Amino acid sequence: MNEYLATFYTHYGAVKFFKYCEANAVGARQAPVPRQLSASCGVCVVFTSPSWEIVKDAEDMEACFLCEAGGYRQIYSDKHDDTENK
C-alpha cells in the first residue's frame, strides 16, 4: 500500500472525495495542503491505496502526489485552464 496526497480546486471536491473514501473503506484523512505543494482550496486528502487511480476521476482534482520519505513526488496533474471557458 502506498500513501498519496490529492489536491483539489475546491473544498467541495476534497470533501466529496473524502466521503467516497469513507464509503469504500479506503483509509483517508483531510489535511491542510503542505505549503510547498500549494492548492486552490487549501485542503487535501491523504489516502492509502495500492494505486493512485481511485482518485483519477474525482471531481475538481488538481493533482496527486506519492508521499515519499522526505517529500512528495507528483504523479498526476490536471491540465485545468479557467481561460478556456471565457
C-alpha atoms as a PDB file:
ATOM      1  CA  MET A   1       0.000   0.000   0.000  1.00  0.00           C
ATOM      2  CA  ASN A   2       1.150   3.498  -0.815  1.00  0.00           C
ATOM      3  CA  GLU A   3       0.217   6.813   0.729  1.00  0.00           C
ATOM      4  CA  TYR A   4      -0.969   9.530  -1.661  1.00  0.00           C
ATOM      5  CA  LEU A   5      -1.947  13.159  -1.308  1.00  0.00           C
ATOM      6  CA  ALA A   6      -4.601  14.619  -3.611  1.00  0.00           C
ATOM      7  CA  THR A   7      -5.164  18.362  -4.018  1.00  0.00           C
ATOM      8  CA  PHE A   8      -8.381  19.906  -5.287  1.00  0.00           C
ATOM      9  CA  TYR A   9      -9.532  23.133  -6.921  1.00  0.00           C
ATOM     10  CA  THR A  10     -12.470  23.393  -4.499  1.00  0.00           C
ATOM     11  CA  HIS A  11     -13.199  22.442  -0.910  1.00  0.00           C
ATOM     12  CA  TYR A  12     -16.313  20.649  -2.177  1.00  0.00           C
ATOM     13  CA  GLY A  13     -14.178  18.358  -4.377  1.00  0.00           C
ATOM     14  CA  ALA A  14     -11.955  17.439  -1.415  1.00  0.00           C
ATOM     15  CA  VAL A  15     -14.928  16.695   0.845  1.00  0.00           C
ATOM     16  CA  LYS A  16     -16.677  14.669  -1.849  1.00  0.00           C
ATOM     17  CA  PHE A  17     -13.571  12.512  -2.447  1.00  0.00           C
ATOM     18  CA  PHE A  18     -13.045  12.058   1.310  1.00  0.00           C
ATOM     19  CA  LYS A  19     -16.643  10.800   1.648  1.00  0.00           C
ATOM     20  CA  TYR A  20     -16.046   8.454  -1.301  1.00  0.00           C
ATOM     21  CA  CYS A  21     -13.034   7.022   0.558  1.00  0.00           C
ATOM     22  CA  GLU A  22     -15.069   6.535   3.742  1.00  0.00           C
ATOM     23  CA  ALA A  23     -17.874   4.773   1.861  1.00  0.00           C
ATOM     24  CA  ASN A  24     -15.390   2.443   0.134  1.00  0.00           C
ATOM     25  CA  ALA A  25     -13.225   1.574   3.163  1.00  0.00           C
ATOM     26  CA  VAL A  26     -10.200   3.480   1.842  1.00  0.00           C
ATOM     27  CA  GLY A  27      -8.097   4.886   4.671  1.00  0.00           C
ATOM     28  CA  ALA A  28      -8.165   8.673   4.259  1.00  0.00           C
ATOM     29  CA  ARG A  29      -7.917  11.944   6.140  1.00  0.00           C
ATOM     30  CA  GLN A  30      -8.393  15.575   5.234  1.00  0.00           C
ATOM     31  CA  ALA A  31      -5.480  17.908   5.927  1.00  0.00           C
ATOM     32  CA  PRO A  32      -4.160  21.347   5.037  1.00  0.00           C
ATOM     33  CA  VAL A  33      -2.141  21.298   1.821  1.00  0.00           C
ATOM     34  CA  PRO A  34       1.598  21.434   2.556  1.00  0.00           C
ATOM     35  CA  ARG A  35       2.942  24.874   1.688  1.00  0.00           C
ATOM     36  CA  GLN A  36       5.410  23.574  -0.900  1.00  0.00           C
ATOM     37  CA  LEU A  37       2.586  21.976  -2.901  1.00  0.00           C
ATOM     38  CA  SER A  38       0.040  24.802  -2.742  1.00  0.00           C
ATOM     39  CA  ALA A  39      -3.520  24.331  -3.977  1.00  0.00           C
ATOM     40  CA  SER A  40      -6.538  26.342  -4.939  1.00  0.00           C
ATOM     41  CA  CYS A  41      -8.678  25.433  -1.934  1.00  0.00           C
ATOM     42  CA  GLY A  42      -6.043  24.699   0.738  1.00  0.00           C
ATOM     43  CA  VAL A  43      -7.499  21.299   1.669  1.00  0.00           C
ATOM     44  CA  CYS A  44      -6.094  17.969   0.551  1.00  0.00           C
ATOM     45  CA  VAL A  45      -6.974  14.329   1.113  1.00  0.00           C
ATOM     46  CA  VAL A  46      -4.235  11.933   2.162  1.00  0.00           C
ATOM     47  CA  PHE A  47      -5.232   8.355   1.360  1.00  0.00           C
ATOM     48  CA  THR A  48      -3.743   4.872   1.415  1.00  0.00           C
ATOM     49  CA  SER A  49      -4.291   2.636  -1.585  1.00  0.00           C
ATOM     50  CA  PRO A  50      -2.448   0.188  -3.853  1.00  0.00           C
ATOM     51  CA  SER A  51      -2.948   2.690  -6.699  1.00  0.00           C
ATOM     52  CA  TRP A  52      -3.495   6.436  -7.026  1.00  0.00           C
ATOM     53  CA  GLU A  53      -6.042   5.823  -9.778  1.00  0.00           C
ATOM     54  CA  ILE A  54      -9.004   5.681  -7.380  1.00  0.00           C
ATOM     55  CA  VAL A  55      -8.799   9.480  -7.380  1.00  0.00           C
ATOM     56  CA  LYS A  56      -8.342   9.826 -11.160  1.00  0.00           C
ATOM     57  CA  ASP A  57     -11.980  10.723 -11.851  1.00  0.00           C
ATOM     58  CA  ALA A  58     -12.591  12.710  -8.660  1.00  0.00           C
ATOM     59  CA  GLU A  59     -14.427  15.981  -9.170  1.00  0.00           C
ATOM     60  CA  ASP A  60     -12.198  19.096  -9.114  1.00  0.00           C
ATOM     61  CA  MET A  61      -8.946  17.197  -8.532  1.00  0.00           C
ATOM     62  CA  GLU A  62      -5.920  19.372  -9.199  1.00  0.00           C
ATOM     63  CA  ALA A  63      -3.018  16.945  -8.636  1.00  0.00           C
ATOM     64  CA  CYS A  64      -1.967  13.717  -6.968  1.00  0.00           C
ATOM     65  CA  PHE A  65       1.337  13.099  -5.204  1.00  0.00           C
ATOM     66  CA  LEU A  66       3.027   9.965  -3.917  1.00  0.00           C
ATOM     67  CA  CYS A  67       4.148  10.551  -0.324  1.00  0.00           C
ATOM     68  CA  GLU A  68       7.789   9.536  -0.045  1.00  0.00           C
ATOM     69  CA  ALA A  69      10.382   9.810   2.693  1.00  0.00           C
ATOM     70  CA  GLY A  70      11.411  13.446   2.739  1.00  0.00           C
ATOM     71  CA  GLY A  71       8.778  14.793   0.364  1.00  0.00           C
ATOM     72  CA  TYR A  72       6.238  14.298  -2.377  1.00  0.00           C
ATOM     73  CA  ARG A  73       6.522  13.137  -5.976  1.00  0.00           C
ATOM     74  CA  GLN A  74       3.845  14.427  -8.340  1.00  0.00           C
ATOM     75  CA  ILE A  75       2.320  11.582 -10.332  1.00  0.00           C
ATOM     76  CA  TYR A  76      -0.693  13.340 -11.861  1.00  0.00           C
ATOM     77  CA  SER A  77      -1.664  16.892 -12.729  1.00  0.00           C
ATOM     78  CA  ASP A  78      -4.922  18.117 -14.230  1.00  0.00           C
ATOM     79  CA  LYS A  79      -4.409  20.401 -17.215  1.00  0.00           C
ATOM     80  CA  HIS A  80      -7.238  22.648 -15.996  1.00  0.00           C
ATOM     81  CA  ASP A  81      -7.366  26.067 -17.633  1.00  0.00           C
ATOM     82  CA  ASP A  82     -10.034  28.542 -16.493  1.00  0.00           C
ATOM     83  CA  THR A  83      -9.458  30.736 -19.546  1.00  0.00           C
ATOM     84  CA  GLU A  84     -10.837  28.158 -21.996  1.00  0.00           C
ATOM     85  CA  ASN A  85     -14.445  28.952 -20.979  1.00  0.00           C
ATOM     86  CA  LYS A  86     -14.144  32.733 -21.280  1.00  0.00           C
END
